[in-house]
Amino acid sequence: MKVGFIGLGAMGSAMASNLLRAGHTVTVWNRSAAAAEPLVSLGARLASTPDRAAQGEVLCSMLANDTAVREVILDSGLLDAMDPGTVHVNHATISVALARELATEHARRGLGYVAAPVFGRPDMAAAAKLNILAAGHAAVIEQVRPLLEAMGSKVWPMGEAAERANVAKIAGNFMLASAIESMAEATALTRAYGVSAADFLEVMTSTLFAAPAYQGYGKLIAAQRFTPAGFTMALGFKDVGLAQAAGEAARVPLPFAGVLRDGFLEALAGGDEALDWSALALVAARRANLAGREDG
């Protein structure tokens, strides 16, 4: 299949490389052309502009936020440059409002649109083990299923309305942030009494909370391994804001979202925006005057 891929950060580059390994013809574009070089060495074609990457059967995009998606997909005239019948698969975590707008704009031009945000960090993307949510017309999803299956371990249909996939992704990230915050606060409490984060979290993640999210982020918190970031504080702050906006639009109270927002904002104010979002543990430690204190 002839595929374009726009947005070559840690996630996008890993996903595009798996499309190449699956035998697809891939044309890539990124604001920074240097990010495309490893993919070109694997056989990808380099596009000089986004519209040149959108000349195949399918365009995939993995952009950072609403602003980037609006600039590259909507404001640039990219959609007008695509042939009718081309399918755009949008992997970005974006707002419900923008998801609806994108679906409308694609339909108006006779373009297929699939909202396909993913669960998984860069290592999971590299291993093609992402869980991919997919919303759009069933026939269009089936058309791009070979691509989704080349990048992930499972595709989870969310219905025809594009925003369903995006709100499920937003809600999932809200749950992940909540899990991280609960471990951050709990380990601050145990550390204040001389119980190390590593010892406490080993018990919890081996028994009551023996689940991938707790185990994976628990290891990062226990080791205080917050770089390189698989998902940054800045992105966590953005996604909690998306959850709050979605909740307000549907009159759904999300009281804990305010706690998370304040934690992320405190981290950003302290210059920690590039750390992994599991570094909410540092915020909790600072609040408890435990920063710099050794465990145990």
Protein backbone atom coordinates (compact mmCIF):
# COMPACT_ATOMS: atom_id res chain seq x y z
CA MET A 1 0.00 0.00 0.00
CA LYS A 2 1.26 3.53 -0.77
CA VAL A 3 1.29 5.40 2.52
CA GLY A 4 2.30 8.86 3.63
CA PHE A 5 3.39 9.47 7.22
CA ILE A 6 3.51 12.93 8.79
CA GLY A 7 4.99 13.56 12.25
CA LEU A 8 8.19 11.69 13.07
CA GLY A 9 8.67 12.06 16.79
CA ALA A 10 9.58 9.05 18.91
CA MET A 11 6.16 7.49 18.33
CA GLY A 12 5.67 8.42 14.69
CA SER A 13 9.10 7.29 13.55
CA ALA A 14 8.67 3.91 15.23
CA MET A 15 5.23 3.44 13.71
CA ALA A 16 6.41 4.43 10.23
CA SER A 17 9.35 2.03 10.47
CA ASN A 18 6.94 -0.84 11.12
CA LEU A 19 4.98 0.07 8.00
CA LEU A 20 8.21 -0.15 6.03
CA ARG A 21 9.04 -3.51 7.56
CA ALA A 22 5.58 -4.75 6.60
CA GLY A 23 6.39 -4.01 2.96
CA HIS A 24 4.42 -0.82 2.41
CA THR A 25 5.73 2.05 0.30
CA VAL A 26 6.10 4.93 2.75
CA THR A 27 6.68 8.62 2.07
CA VAL A 28 7.52 10.68 5.15
CA TRP A 29 7.49 14.33 6.15
CA ASN A 30 8.48 16.11 9.33
CA ARG A 31 9.08 19.76 10.21
CA SER A 32 12.65 18.80 11.00
CA ALA A 33 13.93 16.84 8.02
CA ALA A 34 16.71 15.33 10.14
CA ALA A 35 14.13 13.21 11.95
CA ALA A 36 13.33 11.50 8.65
CA GLU A 37 16.89 10.36 7.92
CA PRO A 38 16.71 7.00 9.79
CA LEU A 39 13.51 6.16 7.93
CA VAL A 40 15.00 7.14 4.59
CA SER A 41 17.87 4.77 5.35
CA LEU A 42 15.25 2.02 5.78
CA GLY A 43 13.76 2.78 2.39
CA ALA A 44 11.26 5.57 2.99
CA ARG A 45 10.85 8.38 0.50
CA LEU A 46 11.30 11.91 1.80
CA ALA A 47 8.66 14.52 0.95
CA SER A 48 9.64 18.18 0.90
CA THR A 49 6.15 19.34 1.92
CA PRO A 50 3.19 17.72 3.72
CA ASP A 51 1.04 17.62 0.58
CA ARG A 52 3.72 15.59 -1.22
CA ALA A 53 3.45 12.97 1.53
CA ALA A 54 -0.30 12.78 0.95
CA GLN A 55 -0.27 11.51 -2.61
CA GLY A 56 -0.73 7.82 -1.81
CA GLU A 57 -3.75 5.75 -0.84
CA VAL A 58 -3.50 6.53 2.87
CA LEU A 59 -2.02 9.35 4.91
CA CYS A 60 -1.08 8.63 8.53
CA SER A 61 -0.25 11.45 10.92
CA MET A 62 1.14 11.48 14.45
CA LEU A 63 1.31 15.12 15.50
CA ALA A 64 1.76 16.48 19.01
CA ASN A 65 -1.40 18.44 19.76
CA ASP A 66 -4.42 20.36 18.44
CA THR A 67 -2.29 23.27 17.30
CA ALA A 68 0.05 21.11 15.22
CA VAL A 69 -2.84 19.14 13.70
CA ARG A 70 -4.69 22.32 12.79
CA GLU A 71 -1.62 23.93 11.23
CA VAL A 72 -0.46 20.92 9.23
CA ILE A 73 -3.76 19.25 8.30
CA LEU A 74 -6.33 22.05 8.12
CA ASP A 75 -4.68 25.45 7.70
CA SER A 76 -2.00 24.36 5.21
CA GLY A 77 -4.47 23.34 2.50
CA LEU A 78 -3.32 19.73 2.75
CA LEU A 79 -6.83 18.30 2.55
CA ASP A 80 -7.51 20.16 -0.68
CA ALA A 81 -4.37 18.64 -2.20
CA MET A 82 -5.49 15.07 -1.46
CA ASP A 83 -7.35 13.05 -4.10
CA PRO A 84 -10.96 12.14 -3.23
CA GLY A 85 -11.09 8.66 -1.75
CA THR A 86 -7.76 9.01 0.01
CA VAL A 87 -7.95 8.01 3.67
CA HIS A 88 -6.40 10.01 6.49
CA VAL A 89 -5.60 8.03 9.66
CA ASN A 90 -5.02 10.45 12.51
CA HIS A 91 -3.11 8.94 15.45
CA ALA A 92 -2.85 12.16 17.49
CA THR A 93 -4.45 12.65 20.88
CA ILE A 94 -6.65 15.65 20.16
CA SER A 95 -9.71 17.39 21.57
CA VAL A 96 -13.24 16.16 20.98
CA ALA A 97 -14.07 19.45 19.26
CA LEU A 98 -11.21 19.15 16.77
CA ALA A 99 -12.04 15.47 16.14
CA ARG A 100 -15.54 16.47 15.07
CA GLU A 101 -14.25 19.31 12.91
CA LEU A 102 -11.76 17.04 11.15
CA ALA A 103 -14.43 14.44 10.40
CA THR A 104 -16.64 17.14 8.86
CA GLU A 105 -13.85 18.65 6.77
CA HIS A 106 -12.75 15.27 5.40
CA ALA A 107 -16.32 14.26 4.52
CA ARG A 108 -16.88 17.58 2.75
CA ARG A 109 -13.99 16.77 0.42
CA GLY A 110 -14.82 13.12 -0.16
CA LEU A 111 -11.89 11.92 1.93
CA GLY A 112 -11.94 8.97 4.31
CA TYR A 113 -11.12 9.70 7.94
CA VAL A 114 -10.19 7.35 10.76
CA ALA A 115 -9.42 8.58 14.27
CA ALA A 116 -6.84 6.09 15.54
CA PRO A 117 -5.09 7.26 18.74
CA VAL A 118 -2.85 4.71 20.39
CA PHE A 119 -1.99 3.40 23.83
CA GLY A 120 1.67 2.57 24.32
CA ARG A 121 5.02 4.24 24.83
CA PRO A 122 7.82 4.47 22.21
CA ASP A 123 9.22 1.04 23.08
CA MET A 124 5.81 -0.50 22.46
CA ALA A 125 5.55 1.41 19.19
CA ALA A 126 8.94 0.08 18.09
CA ALA A 127 7.83 -3.47 18.90
CA ALA A 128 4.52 -3.01 17.01
CA LYS A 129 2.62 -3.73 20.23
CA LEU A 130 0.44 -0.64 20.40
CA ASN A 131 -3.23 -0.86 21.25
CA ILE A 132 -4.96 1.19 18.59
CA LEU A 133 -8.42 2.69 18.99
CA ALA A 134 -10.26 3.18 15.70
CA ALA A 135 -13.36 5.23 14.92
CA GLY A 136 -14.81 5.94 11.50
CA HIS A 137 -16.90 4.23 8.84
CA ALA A 138 -16.47 0.47 9.18
CA ALA A 139 -15.51 0.01 5.53
CA VAL A 140 -12.80 2.67 5.80
CA ILE A 141 -11.39 1.11 8.95
CA GLU A 142 -11.23 -2.25 7.18
CA GLN A 143 -9.42 -0.60 4.28
CA VAL A 144 -6.61 0.58 6.56
CA ARG A 145 -6.66 -2.38 8.96
CA PRO A 146 -3.49 -3.91 7.43
CA LEU A 147 -1.64 -0.73 8.33
CA LEU A 148 -3.03 -0.62 11.85
CA GLU A 149 -2.17 -4.28 12.41
CA ALA A 150 1.39 -3.65 11.19
CA MET A 151 1.79 -1.02 13.92
CA GLY A 152 -0.12 -2.58 16.82
CA SER A 153 -1.04 -5.78 18.59
CA LYS A 154 -4.78 -5.09 18.61
CA VAL A 155 -7.26 -2.74 16.96
CA TRP A 156 -10.21 -1.68 19.13
CA PRO A 157 -13.23 -0.39 17.14
CA MET A 158 -14.98 2.54 18.81
CA GLY A 159 -17.84 3.18 16.39
CA GLU A 160 -18.36 5.56 13.49
CA ALA A 161 -18.15 8.95 15.22
CA ALA A 162 -14.49 10.02 15.19
CA GLU A 163 -14.64 11.67 18.59
CA ARG A 164 -15.41 8.34 20.27
CA ALA A 165 -11.86 7.13 19.72
CA ASN A 166 -10.45 10.44 20.89
CA VAL A 167 -12.53 10.65 24.06
CA ALA A 168 -11.62 7.04 24.90
CA LYS A 169 -7.95 7.93 24.50
CA ILE A 170 -8.35 11.06 26.62
CA ALA A 171 -10.17 9.10 29.33
CA GLY A 172 -7.51 6.38 29.24
CA ASN A 173 -4.72 8.90 29.70
CA PHE A 174 -6.70 10.47 32.54
CA MET A 175 -6.74 7.05 34.23
CA LEU A 176 -2.99 6.61 33.68
CA ALA A 177 -2.25 10.03 35.14
CA SER A 178 -4.48 9.19 38.11
CA ALA A 179 -2.56 5.96 38.70
CA ILE A 180 0.75 7.82 38.57
CA GLU A 181 -0.49 10.51 40.96
CA SER A 182 -1.77 7.91 43.45
CA MET A 183 1.62 6.16 43.44
CA ALA A 184 3.41 9.50 43.73
CA GLU A 185 1.44 10.51 46.82
CA ALA A 186 1.53 7.02 48.39
CA THR A 187 5.30 6.72 48.02
CA ALA A 188 5.78 10.18 49.51
CA LEU A 189 3.83 8.93 52.53
CA THR A 190 5.82 5.70 52.91
CA ARG A 191 9.14 7.47 52.39
CA ALA A 192 8.31 9.90 55.21
CA TYR A 193 8.26 6.86 57.51
CA GLY A 194 11.40 5.24 56.13
CA VAL A 195 9.82 2.77 53.69
CA SER A 196 11.47 3.16 50.30
CA ALA A 197 9.45 3.69 47.16
CA ALA A 198 11.03 0.57 45.68
CA ASP A 199 10.04 -1.66 48.59
CA PHE A 200 6.52 -0.29 48.83
CA LEU A 201 5.82 -0.39 45.12
CA GLU A 202 7.20 -3.91 44.78
CA VAL A 203 4.55 -5.07 47.25
CA MET A 204 1.74 -3.11 45.65
CA THR A 205 2.53 -3.95 42.02
CA SER A 206 3.00 -7.62 42.84
CA THR A 207 -0.31 -7.95 44.68
CA LEU A 208 -3.20 -5.48 44.77
CA PHE A 209 -2.07 -3.48 41.75
CA ALA A 210 -0.47 -6.15 39.56
CA ALA A 211 -1.35 -4.40 36.31
CA PRO A 212 0.87 -3.10 33.48
CA ALA A 213 0.24 0.59 34.16
CA TYR A 214 1.15 0.32 37.85
CA GLN A 215 4.05 -2.04 37.23
CA GLY A 216 5.60 -0.01 34.42
CA TYR A 217 5.26 3.41 36.00
CA GLY A 218 5.99 1.99 39.45
CA LYS A 219 9.43 0.90 38.23
CA LEU A 220 10.14 4.36 36.88
CA ILE A 221 9.08 5.99 40.15
CA ALA A 222 11.06 3.53 42.27
CA ALA A 223 14.21 4.07 40.20
CA GLN A 224 13.53 7.80 39.73
CA ARG A 225 14.19 7.19 36.05
CA PHE A 226 12.41 10.12 34.46
CA THR A 227 14.62 10.55 31.39
CA PRO A 228 14.45 9.87 28.55
CA ALA A 229 10.74 10.62 28.67
CA GLY A 230 8.37 8.19 27.02
CA PHE A 231 5.57 10.71 27.60
CA THR A 232 6.44 14.15 28.88
CA MET A 233 4.99 16.28 31.65
CA ALA A 234 3.98 18.82 29.01
CA LEU A 235 1.94 16.20 27.16
CA GLY A 236 0.37 15.03 30.41
CA PHE A 237 -0.69 18.58 31.19
CA LYS A 238 -2.16 18.88 27.70
CA ASP A 239 -4.15 15.66 27.97
CA VAL A 240 -5.61 16.47 31.38
CA GLY A 241 -6.74 19.75 29.85
CA LEU A 242 -8.40 17.80 27.04
CA ALA A 243 -10.22 15.69 29.61
CA GLN A 244 -11.44 18.77 31.43
CA ALA A 245 -12.67 20.35 28.19
CA ALA A 246 -14.48 17.17 27.16
CA GLY A 247 -16.05 16.92 30.60
CA GLU A 248 -17.25 20.51 30.54
CA ALA A 249 -18.75 20.10 27.06
CA ALA A 250 -20.77 17.05 28.15
CA ARG A 251 -21.49 18.32 31.70
CA VAL A 252 -19.40 15.51 33.23
CA PRO A 253 -17.64 16.54 36.47
CA LEU A 254 -14.05 15.33 36.74
CA PRO A 255 -12.97 16.51 40.20
CA PHE A 256 -9.66 14.67 40.21
CA ALA A 257 -8.65 16.27 36.92
CA GLY A 258 -8.11 19.51 38.81
CA VAL A 259 -5.66 17.79 41.17
CA LEU A 260 -3.75 16.36 38.21
CA ARG A 261 -3.73 19.68 36.39
CA ASP A 262 -2.22 21.43 39.42
CA GLY A 263 0.44 18.73 39.75
CA PHE A 264 1.46 18.99 36.12
CA LEU A 265 1.38 22.79 36.24
CA GLU A 266 3.62 22.75 39.31
CA ALA A 267 6.06 20.53 37.40
CA LEU A 268 6.03 22.85 34.40
CA ALA A 269 6.59 25.87 36.64
CA GLY A 270 9.60 24.08 38.10
CA GLY A 271 11.12 23.50 34.66
CA ASP A 272 10.32 19.79 34.49
CA GLU A 273 8.24 19.85 31.31
CA ALA A 274 10.62 17.49 29.46
CA LEU A 275 10.65 14.82 32.18
CA ASP A 276 8.51 11.70 31.93
CA TRP A 277 5.09 12.26 33.45
CA SER A 278 5.89 9.65 36.11
CA ALA A 279 7.96 12.49 37.60
CA LEU A 280 4.76 13.56 39.31
CA ALA A 281 6.51 11.62 42.07
CA LEU A 282 9.04 14.46 42.29
CA VAL A 283 6.21 16.96 42.75
CA ALA A 284 4.75 14.88 45.59
CA ALA A 285 8.19 14.54 47.17
CA ARG A 286 8.80 18.29 47.04
CA ARG A 287 5.43 18.99 48.63
CA ALA A 288 6.38 16.65 51.48
CA ASN A 289 9.87 18.16 51.83
CA LEU A 290 11.41 14.85 50.76
CA ALA A 291 13.27 16.09 47.67
CA GLY A 292 16.87 14.90 47.79
CA ARG A 293 16.29 12.65 50.78
CA GLU A 294 17.50 9.07 50.30
CA ASP A 295 15.02 6.22 50.62
CA GLY A 296 15.11 3.54 53.30
